[in-house]
Amino acid sequence: MSAVYIEWHERSIRAVLIVTAALALMVAVPAAADPIGQIKTASGAVSIERAGARLPAAAGDRVEQSDVVMTGKDGTVGITFQDNSMMSLGPDSALALDRFKFDSTTHEGNFESSLKRGTLSVRSGYIVQQGQPGESMKVKTPAAILGVRGTEFVVRAEAPR
């Protein structure tokens, strides 16, 4: 074999290995989800459970669909969402952000969350104003599902025993 062929062959193998490594890295590191809101205030113990990991949370952090926002016994957190909805969690609370879909042009969408335990104060945003009353925003608790029609409400959920 000629030296030119061997050099070309080695370069080809290196190129294949580089492409394979790049593809493996893209598969191993999932793309970050789009943020649906931002923590505006946080006090005491506040964390976000995301993809099985619990992360400390602070003002300025983004929240994503499927996150669970949790507060400790001394924690409170206020979140503003893309549709201008605002939610505040009291101490010892857990809120799952189940589904959030919002079109910033038409203001149509759906927002579903689940209050697992604790207290939640809500001021609805554009999704409720534009969507079907009681259908476009829902808050689930262990005891009920609330279809949001108005603009402000507070709900408390006891943790299952």
Protein backbone atom coordinates (compact mmCIF):
# COMPACT_ATOMS: atom_id res chain seq x y z
CA MET A 1 0.00 0.00 0.00
CA SER A 2 1.15 3.48 -0.69
CA ALA A 3 1.87 6.04 2.02
CA VAL A 4 -0.78 8.38 0.55
CA TYR A 5 -3.49 5.72 0.92
CA ILE A 6 -2.50 4.96 4.54
CA GLU A 7 -2.52 8.69 5.44
CA TRP A 8 -5.94 9.17 3.79
CA HIS A 9 -7.27 6.08 5.59
CA GLU A 10 -6.04 7.35 9.00
CA ARG A 11 -7.67 10.74 8.37
CA SER A 12 -10.95 9.05 7.46
CA ILE A 13 -10.90 6.98 10.64
CA ARG A 14 -10.20 10.10 12.73
CA ALA A 15 -13.07 11.96 11.06
CA VAL A 16 -15.48 9.08 11.74
CA LEU A 17 -14.38 8.94 15.39
CA ILE A 18 -14.85 12.71 15.82
CA VAL A 19 -18.34 12.62 14.30
CA THR A 20 -19.28 9.58 16.40
CA ALA A 21 -18.06 11.27 19.60
CA ALA A 22 -19.99 14.46 18.75
CA LEU A 23 -23.20 12.48 18.12
CA ALA A 24 -22.77 10.54 21.36
CA LEU A 25 -22.31 13.80 23.28
CA MET A 26 -25.47 15.28 21.73
CA VAL A 27 -27.47 12.21 22.77
CA ALA A 28 -25.98 12.09 26.28
CA VAL A 29 -26.65 15.76 27.08
CA PRO A 30 -30.36 16.55 26.58
CA ALA A 31 -31.27 20.02 25.39
CA ALA A 32 -32.56 22.36 28.06
CA ALA A 33 -36.29 22.87 28.02
CA ASP A 34 -37.69 26.29 27.31
CA PRO A 35 -38.39 28.30 30.44
CA ILE A 36 -42.07 28.99 31.17
CA GLY A 37 -41.51 31.47 33.97
CA GLN A 38 -39.09 33.05 36.38
CA ILE A 39 -38.74 33.13 40.14
CA LYS A 40 -39.24 36.75 41.18
CA THR A 41 -38.96 36.35 44.97
CA ALA A 42 -37.58 33.59 47.16
CA SER A 43 -37.08 33.46 50.89
CA GLY A 44 -35.92 30.62 53.12
CA ALA A 45 -35.58 27.10 51.73
CA VAL A 46 -36.73 26.94 48.09
CA SER A 47 -35.84 24.25 45.57
CA ILE A 48 -36.77 22.94 42.14
CA GLU A 49 -37.01 19.26 41.35
CA ARG A 50 -36.08 18.80 37.70
CA ALA A 51 -35.41 15.50 35.93
CA GLY A 52 -34.97 13.69 39.25
CA ALA A 53 -32.48 16.21 40.70
CA ARG A 54 -33.26 18.71 43.44
CA LEU A 55 -31.70 22.12 42.79
CA PRO A 56 -31.62 25.11 45.15
CA ALA A 57 -33.69 27.99 43.74
CA ALA A 58 -33.34 31.75 44.03
CA ALA A 59 -34.81 34.92 42.55
CA GLY A 60 -33.92 35.11 38.85
CA ASP A 61 -33.95 31.34 38.27
CA ARG A 62 -36.11 30.04 35.43
CA VAL A 63 -38.79 27.37 35.82
CA GLU A 64 -39.67 24.81 33.17
CA GLN A 65 -42.63 22.62 32.36
CA SER A 66 -42.53 19.46 34.54
CA ASP A 67 -40.59 21.18 37.35
CA VAL A 68 -41.78 20.76 40.92
CA VAL A 69 -41.22 23.89 42.99
CA MET A 70 -40.86 23.21 46.72
CA THR A 71 -40.54 25.33 49.82
CA GLY A 72 -39.28 24.32 53.25
CA LYS A 73 -40.84 25.12 56.60
CA ASP A 74 -39.40 28.66 56.38
CA GLY A 75 -39.68 29.08 52.59
CA THR A 76 -41.81 31.20 50.28
CA VAL A 77 -41.50 31.77 46.55
CA GLY A 78 -43.17 33.99 43.94
CA ILE A 79 -43.13 33.05 40.25
CA THR A 80 -44.22 35.04 37.19
CA PHE A 81 -45.06 33.03 34.07
CA GLN A 82 -44.85 33.94 30.37
CA ASP A 83 -48.57 34.77 30.23
CA ASN A 84 -48.14 37.15 33.19
CA SER A 85 -49.78 34.73 35.65
CA MET A 86 -48.31 34.96 39.14
CA MET A 87 -48.15 32.20 41.72
CA SER A 88 -46.90 32.37 45.28
CA LEU A 89 -46.20 29.33 47.44
CA GLY A 90 -46.24 29.48 51.22
CA PRO A 91 -44.10 27.47 53.65
CA ASP A 92 -43.85 23.67 53.32
CA SER A 93 -45.48 23.60 49.87
CA ALA A 94 -44.94 21.65 46.65
CA LEU A 95 -46.30 22.68 43.24
CA ALA A 96 -45.86 20.62 40.06
CA LEU A 97 -45.89 22.62 36.81
CA ASP A 98 -47.60 19.93 34.77
CA ARG A 99 -48.35 21.69 31.50
CA PHE A 100 -47.79 25.15 30.11
CA LYS A 101 -48.52 26.15 26.54
CA PHE A 102 -48.80 29.83 25.61
CA ASP A 103 -48.93 31.73 22.33
CA SER A 104 -47.60 35.23 23.01
CA THR A 105 -49.32 36.59 19.88
CA THR A 106 -52.87 35.32 20.44
CA HIS A 107 -52.57 34.85 24.24
CA GLU A 108 -54.17 31.43 23.88
CA GLY A 109 -52.92 28.41 25.76
CA ASN A 110 -53.29 26.00 28.64
CA PHE A 111 -51.79 26.01 32.11
CA GLU A 112 -52.11 23.02 34.43
CA SER A 113 -50.43 22.66 37.79
CA SER A 114 -50.77 20.37 40.80
CA LEU A 115 -50.54 21.62 44.37
CA LYS A 116 -49.27 18.54 46.21
CA ARG A 117 -49.25 20.22 49.63
CA GLY A 118 -49.21 23.65 51.23
CA THR A 119 -50.66 26.99 50.17
CA LEU A 120 -50.86 28.61 46.77
CA SER A 121 -51.95 32.12 45.85
CA VAL A 122 -52.70 32.76 42.16
CA ARG A 123 -53.30 35.80 40.00
CA SER A 124 -54.19 34.54 36.54
CA GLY A 125 -52.76 36.03 33.36
CA TYR A 126 -53.53 36.23 29.66
CA ILE A 127 -54.32 32.51 29.27
CA VAL A 128 -57.46 32.85 31.43
CA GLN A 129 -58.47 36.16 29.84
CA GLN A 130 -58.31 34.73 26.31
CA GLY A 131 -59.26 31.09 26.87
CA GLN A 132 -62.39 29.19 27.82
CA PRO A 133 -63.43 30.04 31.41
CA GLY A 134 -62.57 27.16 33.71
CA GLU A 135 -60.75 25.24 30.97
CA SER A 136 -57.58 27.14 30.08
CA MET A 137 -56.07 27.13 33.58
CA LYS A 138 -56.44 24.32 36.11
CA VAL A 139 -54.97 23.68 39.53
CA LYS A 140 -55.18 20.12 40.85
CA THR A 141 -55.08 19.32 44.56
CA PRO A 142 -55.29 15.93 46.29
CA ALA A 143 -59.02 16.61 46.87
CA ALA A 144 -60.20 18.61 43.81
CA ILE A 145 -59.45 20.11 40.41
CA LEU A 146 -60.02 23.86 40.19
CA GLY A 147 -60.96 25.35 36.82
CA VAL A 148 -59.88 28.97 37.00
CA ARG A 149 -62.51 31.50 35.91
CA GLY A 150 -61.58 34.57 37.91
CA THR A 151 -58.36 36.40 38.35
CA GLU A 152 -57.26 35.78 41.97
CA PHE A 153 -57.64 32.96 44.46
CA VAL A 154 -55.88 31.12 47.28
CA VAL A 155 -55.96 27.37 47.86
CA ARG A 156 -54.54 25.07 50.55
CA ALA A 157 -53.82 21.38 50.18
CA GLU A 158 -53.06 18.97 52.99
CA ALA A 159 -50.33 16.45 52.32
CA PRO A 160 -51.70 12.89 51.96
CA ARG A 161 -51.22 10.87 55.16
